Amino acid sequence: MPFYQRGSKGEEVKQIQTGLKELDYYRGPIDGDFGGGTEAAVKAFQKTEGLTPDGIVGDKTWKALFPDEKIPTPAILKKPLAYRCLALTGSFETNAPVPDCFARLSGDFDGQGISFGVLQWNLGQGSLQPLLLEMDKKHSKILKEIFDKHYPVLRAMLKEERDGQLAWARSIQDTQRHRMDEPWRGLFKALGRRKEFQNIQVKYAEKLFRSALTLCKEYGVRSERAAALMFDIKVQNGGIGPLVKVQIKQDIAQIPRSISGDDQEVARLRIISNRRAEAAKPKWVEDVRIRKLTIANGEGTVHGRDYALEDQYGIRLKQATTSRSVGRRD
């Protein structure tokens, strides 16, 4: 039976928050992120309805909140594995659930000029420019409508060399808080909310997912959790270098033969997680480790948010399917 609890994300959580707000139990944002405020509101509602105040929206609480509706299965669980991996890593990257993560925007806090979208494509590494160029090529009318009189500036920026693009990005944001100035902030967010641009992001994410599946084979891991870990490594870290590869292989060879099945899989994933984290820049090592081990272990807390991969994303230790489709393309 489906249920929603602290850590759940998505449109169904927005519906819960809206229902609770209409009844004056919830006063927080309708953001689709089931946090402590939503949990407290659910408990208060449950007490009023004579239900067990556990803060979990199961069948009984849903019926009390929405008498004429059946509790839905989270939409994310019906998506292909690749899309679920994208949603998980997107949540890590942006602290927002689907579809809000597609419109997340960050300034030059990390020297990349602008980071935008579900996987924080950016100007510094040259990962954002191809998406904007493809949007202009396939949906120029929409891009013109969104950016209006600023459209020529955006196009001119994309023709600049990298240093010029970064200089432009820094000129339209608060250099202390790394927050984009208006109207640019609102314009980019409007772009990120368009399905056409979301589909372009999904298309480019598919390339990373294919690389992640290749990494799974290289290190002898086969689960959905493994695919999620390798996808996250491709996004956050770019991959696994030669030295780390040797270290991982040596560590895997030391796993006791008495460990098999799912325990063997988890042991390999933990080794990969720790070794890749230790290869990160010193200030990011523990951040990378926590994020990677959350995937390897199937649960954890990242940036203050609780994750349970199977419940929230349907990412399990079962063998990953061969389907590579992230979702509908444009």
Protein backbone atom coordinates (compact mmCIF):
# COMPACT_ATOMS: atom_id res chain seq x y z
CA MET A 1 0.00 0.00 0.00
CA PRO A 2 1.45 3.43 -0.91
CA PHE A 3 2.31 5.85 1.91
CA TYR A 4 3.97 9.23 2.32
CA GLN A 5 6.22 10.28 5.18
CA ARG A 6 9.10 12.59 6.07
CA GLY A 7 11.49 12.46 3.13
CA SER A 8 8.81 11.80 0.50
CA LYS A 9 8.85 14.14 -2.48
CA GLY A 10 6.69 14.95 -5.47
CA GLU A 11 3.31 16.08 -6.67
CA GLU A 12 1.46 13.84 -4.22
CA VAL A 13 3.20 15.61 -1.33
CA LYS A 14 2.13 18.95 -2.80
CA GLN A 15 -1.45 17.66 -2.75
CA ILE A 16 -1.09 16.65 0.90
CA GLN A 17 0.38 20.05 1.80
CA THR A 18 -2.41 21.85 -0.07
CA GLY A 19 -5.11 19.80 1.67
CA LEU A 20 -3.59 20.46 5.09
CA LYS A 21 -3.18 24.16 4.34
CA GLU A 22 -6.83 24.47 3.32
CA LEU A 23 -7.76 22.99 6.70
CA ASP A 24 -5.34 25.40 8.45
CA TYR A 25 -3.00 22.68 9.72
CA TYR A 26 -0.06 23.60 7.50
CA ARG A 27 1.44 27.05 6.94
CA GLY A 28 4.62 26.20 5.07
CA PRO A 29 5.41 26.32 1.35
CA ILE A 30 3.71 24.01 -1.15
CA ASP A 31 7.03 22.61 -2.34
CA GLY A 32 6.40 18.86 -2.63
CA ASP A 33 9.02 18.13 0.04
CA PHE A 34 7.68 16.22 3.06
CA GLY A 35 9.74 17.77 5.85
CA GLY A 36 9.29 18.37 9.56
CA GLY A 37 6.65 21.05 9.06
CA THR A 38 4.51 18.78 6.91
CA GLU A 39 4.99 15.93 9.37
CA ALA A 40 3.86 18.10 12.29
CA ALA A 41 0.78 19.19 10.33
CA VAL A 42 -0.09 15.57 9.50
CA LYS A 43 0.21 14.58 13.17
CA ALA A 44 -2.07 17.44 14.24
CA PHE A 45 -4.61 16.42 11.60
CA GLN A 46 -4.44 12.77 12.66
CA LYS A 47 -5.08 13.67 16.29
CA THR A 48 -8.17 15.64 15.31
CA GLU A 49 -9.43 12.72 13.21
CA GLY A 50 -8.81 10.12 15.92
CA LEU A 51 -6.04 8.44 13.94
CA THR A 52 -2.66 7.24 15.18
CA PRO A 53 -0.51 10.43 15.13
CA ASP A 54 2.55 8.91 13.47
CA GLY A 55 3.01 11.63 10.83
CA ILE A 56 2.68 9.09 8.01
CA VAL A 57 0.03 9.54 5.33
CA GLY A 58 -1.20 6.04 4.63
CA ASP A 59 -4.56 4.84 3.36
CA LYS A 60 -6.61 5.91 6.43
CA THR A 61 -5.06 9.37 6.71
CA TRP A 62 -5.39 9.94 2.97
CA LYS A 63 -9.09 8.99 3.06
CA ALA A 64 -9.65 11.35 5.99
CA LEU A 65 -7.92 14.15 4.11
CA PHE A 66 -9.40 13.34 0.67
CA PRO A 67 -12.65 11.35 1.26
CA ASP A 68 -13.43 10.86 -2.42
CA GLU A 69 -9.97 9.76 -3.56
CA LYS A 70 -7.92 6.59 -3.36
CA ILE A 71 -4.34 7.01 -2.18
CA PRO A 72 -2.14 7.13 -5.30
CA THR A 73 1.11 5.34 -5.95
CA PRO A 74 3.90 7.95 -6.19
CA ALA A 75 4.22 8.86 -9.87
CA ILE A 76 8.01 8.61 -9.70
CA LEU A 77 7.79 4.85 -9.01
CA LYS A 78 6.16 4.32 -12.42
CA LYS A 79 9.07 5.92 -14.27
CA PRO A 80 11.97 4.01 -15.88
CA LEU A 81 14.99 3.37 -13.65
CA ALA A 82 17.05 5.96 -15.47
CA TYR A 83 14.52 8.68 -14.71
CA ARG A 84 14.38 7.62 -11.07
CA CYS A 85 18.18 7.87 -10.87
CA LEU A 86 17.96 11.32 -12.44
CA ALA A 87 15.36 12.38 -9.85
CA LEU A 88 17.53 11.14 -6.97
CA THR A 89 20.71 12.83 -8.12
CA GLY A 90 18.69 15.90 -9.06
CA SER A 91 17.43 16.09 -5.48
CA PHE A 92 21.01 15.88 -4.17
CA GLU A 93 22.12 18.58 -6.59
CA THR A 94 19.25 21.01 -6.10
CA ASN A 95 17.52 20.12 -2.79
CA ALA A 96 14.24 20.00 -4.75
CA PRO A 97 11.99 17.21 -6.04
CA VAL A 98 10.80 16.63 -9.60
CA PRO A 99 9.72 18.76 -11.42
CA ASP A 100 11.00 21.76 -9.41
CA CYS A 101 14.59 20.55 -9.69
CA PHE A 102 14.50 21.19 -13.46
CA ALA A 103 14.29 24.94 -12.79
CA ARG A 104 16.87 25.30 -10.00
CA LEU A 105 19.42 28.06 -10.53
CA SER A 106 22.71 28.77 -8.74
CA GLY A 107 25.24 31.55 -9.14
CA ASP A 108 29.04 31.54 -9.22
CA PHE A 109 29.61 30.01 -5.77
CA ASP A 110 31.86 27.34 -7.30
CA GLY A 111 33.48 29.30 -10.13
CA GLN A 112 31.17 27.88 -12.80
CA GLY A 113 29.33 31.13 -13.58
CA ILE A 114 25.78 29.78 -13.66
CA SER A 115 24.56 26.32 -12.71
CA PHE A 116 21.08 25.50 -13.93
CA GLY A 117 18.65 22.61 -14.05
CA VAL A 118 18.19 19.17 -12.56
CA LEU A 119 21.88 18.24 -12.79
CA GLN A 120 23.17 21.79 -12.40
CA TRP A 121 24.52 22.05 -15.93
CA ASN A 122 26.95 25.01 -15.91
CA LEU A 123 28.86 27.48 -18.07
CA GLY A 124 32.27 26.83 -16.52
CA GLN A 125 32.43 23.19 -17.58
CA GLY A 126 30.59 23.87 -20.82
CA SER A 127 27.69 21.57 -19.95
CA LEU A 128 24.93 24.20 -20.01
CA GLN A 129 25.68 25.80 -23.37
CA PRO A 130 24.69 22.75 -25.50
CA LEU A 131 21.27 22.60 -23.80
CA LEU A 132 20.58 26.28 -24.41
CA LEU A 133 21.75 26.01 -28.02
CA GLU A 134 19.51 23.00 -28.64
CA MET A 135 16.57 24.85 -27.11
CA ASP A 136 17.26 27.77 -29.43
CA LYS A 137 17.52 25.45 -32.42
CA LYS A 138 14.39 23.38 -31.73
CA HIS A 139 12.20 25.84 -29.85
CA SER A 140 13.46 29.31 -30.70
CA LYS A 141 9.94 30.75 -30.60
CA ILE A 142 9.51 29.66 -26.98
CA LEU A 143 12.97 30.95 -26.04
CA LYS A 144 12.17 34.32 -27.62
CA GLU A 145 8.85 34.51 -25.79
CA ILE A 146 10.49 33.79 -22.43
CA PHE A 147 13.52 36.06 -22.73
CA ASP A 148 11.82 38.73 -24.87
CA LYS A 149 14.12 41.76 -25.24
CA HIS A 150 16.90 39.85 -23.45
CA TYR A 151 16.90 37.08 -26.06
CA PRO A 152 19.56 38.77 -28.29
CA VAL A 153 21.85 39.10 -25.26
CA LEU A 154 21.46 35.41 -24.43
CA ARG A 155 22.25 34.39 -28.02
CA ALA A 156 25.26 36.71 -28.16
CA MET A 157 26.57 35.28 -24.89
CA LEU A 158 26.41 31.75 -26.30
CA LYS A 159 28.68 32.83 -29.17
CA GLU A 160 31.35 34.17 -26.81
CA GLU A 161 34.45 32.29 -25.71
CA ARG A 162 34.24 30.64 -22.28
CA ASP A 163 35.92 33.53 -20.43
CA GLY A 164 33.44 35.97 -21.95
CA GLN A 165 30.50 33.76 -20.97
CA LEU A 166 31.72 33.55 -17.37
CA ALA A 167 32.31 37.32 -17.23
CA TRP A 168 28.74 37.90 -18.42
CA ALA A 169 27.34 35.46 -15.85
CA ARG A 170 29.19 37.26 -13.04
CA SER A 171 27.94 40.62 -14.25
CA ILE A 172 24.30 39.68 -13.69
CA GLN A 173 24.52 38.37 -10.14
CA ASP A 174 25.34 39.47 -6.62
CA THR A 175 29.01 38.48 -6.35
CA GLN A 176 28.77 38.18 -2.56
CA ARG A 177 25.65 36.00 -2.31
CA HIS A 178 26.05 34.46 -5.79
CA ARG A 179 22.40 35.12 -6.51
CA MET A 180 21.26 35.95 -10.03
CA ASP A 181 19.83 39.42 -10.59
CA GLU A 182 16.35 39.97 -11.90
CA PRO A 183 15.01 39.69 -14.52
CA TRP A 184 17.55 36.98 -15.41
CA ARG A 185 16.75 34.83 -12.40
CA GLY A 186 13.07 34.76 -13.23
CA LEU A 187 13.71 34.24 -16.93
CA PHE A 188 15.88 31.18 -16.40
CA LYS A 189 13.41 29.73 -13.92
CA ALA A 190 10.61 30.23 -16.45
CA LEU A 191 12.71 28.33 -18.98
CA GLY A 192 13.32 25.49 -16.53
CA ARG A 193 9.58 25.08 -15.99
CA ARG A 194 8.92 24.52 -19.69
CA LYS A 195 8.44 20.89 -20.64
CA GLU A 196 10.42 21.42 -23.85
CA PHE A 197 13.55 22.38 -21.91
CA GLN A 198 12.98 19.68 -19.31
CA ASN A 199 12.92 17.13 -22.12
CA ILE A 200 16.25 18.44 -23.39
CA GLN A 201 17.71 18.01 -19.90
CA VAL A 202 16.37 14.47 -19.80
CA LYS A 203 17.95 13.73 -23.18
CA TYR A 204 21.39 14.85 -22.03
CA ALA A 205 21.00 12.95 -18.76
CA GLU A 206 20.45 9.78 -20.79
CA LYS A 207 24.02 10.00 -22.08
CA LEU A 208 25.29 10.00 -18.51
CA PHE A 209 23.06 7.07 -17.60
CA ARG A 210 24.50 4.97 -20.45
CA SER A 211 27.98 5.72 -19.11
CA ALA A 212 26.81 4.72 -15.63
CA LEU A 213 25.65 1.32 -16.90
CA THR A 214 29.08 0.79 -18.44
CA LEU A 215 30.70 1.54 -15.08
CA CYS A 216 28.43 -1.01 -13.41
CA LYS A 217 29.74 -3.74 -15.70
CA GLU A 218 33.33 -2.63 -15.16
CA TYR A 219 33.08 -3.05 -11.40
CA GLY A 220 30.89 -6.15 -11.33
CA VAL A 221 27.79 -4.56 -9.79
CA ARG A 222 24.33 -5.15 -11.23
CA SER A 223 21.61 -3.64 -9.04
CA GLU A 224 19.37 -0.62 -9.46
CA ARG A 225 21.24 0.86 -6.51
CA ALA A 226 24.50 0.36 -8.40
CA ALA A 227 23.12 2.17 -11.44
CA ALA A 228 22.07 5.06 -9.20
CA LEU A 229 25.51 5.21 -7.58
CA MET A 230 27.39 5.20 -10.87
CA PHE A 231 25.04 7.81 -12.33
CA ASP A 232 25.66 10.03 -9.31
CA ILE A 233 29.41 9.55 -9.71
CA LYS A 234 29.21 10.58 -13.37
CA VAL A 235 27.23 13.70 -12.47
CA GLN A 236 29.02 14.87 -9.32
CA ASN A 237 32.55 13.60 -9.93
CA GLY A 238 32.85 13.04 -13.67
CA GLY A 239 33.82 9.38 -13.32
CA ILE A 240 36.45 7.17 -11.69
CA GLY A 241 40.13 7.76 -12.42
CA PRO A 242 42.80 5.07 -13.08
CA LEU A 243 44.33 5.17 -9.59
CA VAL A 244 40.96 4.94 -7.83
CA LYS A 245 39.98 2.12 -10.19
CA VAL A 246 43.00 0.06 -9.10
CA GLN A 247 42.27 0.76 -5.43
CA ILE A 248 38.64 -0.28 -5.84
CA LYS A 249 39.59 -3.50 -7.62
CA GLN A 250 42.07 -4.38 -4.87
CA ASP A 251 39.52 -3.71 -2.13
CA ILE A 252 36.86 -5.76 -3.88
CA ALA A 253 39.29 -8.68 -4.13
CA GLN A 254 39.57 -8.62 -0.33
CA ILE A 255 35.85 -9.10 0.30
CA PRO A 256 35.47 -12.44 2.15
CA ARG A 257 34.10 -15.23 0.01
CA SER A 258 31.54 -15.95 2.69
CA ILE A 259 29.78 -12.72 1.69
CA SER A 260 27.48 -13.24 -1.27
CA GLY A 261 24.27 -12.09 -2.93
CA ASP A 262 22.94 -8.71 -1.83
CA ASP A 263 25.56 -8.45 0.91
CA GLN A 264 28.29 -8.82 -1.71
CA GLU A 265 26.65 -6.12 -3.84
CA VAL A 266 26.39 -3.68 -0.94
CA ALA A 267 29.99 -4.37 0.09
CA ARG A 268 31.17 -3.46 -3.43
CA LEU A 269 29.03 -0.34 -3.51
CA ARG A 270 30.45 0.81 -0.17
CA ILE A 271 34.00 0.30 -1.41
CA ILE A 272 33.28 2.29 -4.57
CA SER A 273 31.62 5.03 -2.50
CA ASN A 274 34.48 5.41 -0.04
CA ARG A 275 37.25 5.27 -2.60
CA ARG A 276 35.60 7.82 -4.89
CA ALA A 277 34.96 10.13 -1.93
CA GLU A 278 38.57 9.95 -0.79
CA ALA A 279 39.69 11.05 -4.26
CA ALA A 280 37.64 14.26 -4.07
CA LYS A 281 39.06 17.64 -3.07
CA PRO A 282 39.71 17.66 0.70
CA LYS A 283 36.90 20.07 1.54
CA TRP A 284 34.35 17.92 -0.32
CA VAL A 285 35.44 14.44 0.81
CA GLU A 286 32.87 13.95 3.55
CA ASP A 287 30.08 15.54 1.52
CA VAL A 288 30.78 13.12 -1.32
CA ARG A 289 31.11 10.18 1.07
CA ILE A 290 27.76 10.83 2.78
CA ARG A 291 26.01 11.21 -0.56
CA LYS A 292 27.53 8.07 -2.08
CA LEU A 293 27.04 5.90 1.00
CA THR A 294 23.40 6.98 1.17
CA ILE A 295 22.99 5.33 -2.22
CA ALA A 296 25.11 2.30 -1.36
CA ASN A 297 23.21 1.70 1.89
CA GLY A 298 19.82 2.58 0.44
CA GLU A 299 19.17 5.25 3.05
CA GLY A 300 20.79 8.22 4.74
CA THR A 301 20.64 11.97 5.29
CA VAL A 302 22.10 14.37 2.73
CA HIS A 303 22.11 18.14 3.28
CA GLY A 304 19.62 17.66 6.12
CA ARG A 305 17.17 15.66 4.01
CA ASP A 306 16.28 12.04 4.74
CA TYR A 307 16.44 9.55 1.91
CA ALA A 308 15.03 6.03 1.63
CA LEU A 309 15.72 4.98 -1.93
CA GLU A 310 13.23 2.13 -2.22
CA ASP A 311 10.29 4.00 -0.71
CA GLN A 312 10.93 7.35 -2.39
CA TYR A 313 12.38 6.35 -5.75
CA GLY A 314 11.76 2.63 -6.12
CA ILE A 315 15.53 2.08 -6.35
CA ARG A 316 16.27 -1.37 -4.95
CA LEU A 317 18.93 -4.05 -4.82
CA LYS A 318 17.17 -6.04 -7.53
CA GLN A 319 19.01 -6.36 -10.82
CA ALA A 320 18.73 -3.30 -13.01
CA THR A 321 16.76 -3.77 -16.21
CA THR A 322 18.44 -3.29 -19.56
CA SER A 323 16.10 -0.41 -20.48
CA ARG A 324 18.07 2.80 -20.81
CA SER A 325 15.33 5.28 -21.50
CA VAL A 326 15.28 8.16 -19.01
CA GLY A 327 11.90 9.36 -20.15
CA ARG A 328 10.02 10.91 -23.02
CA ARG A 329 12.23 12.92 -25.35
CA ASP A 330 11.28 16.10 -27.12
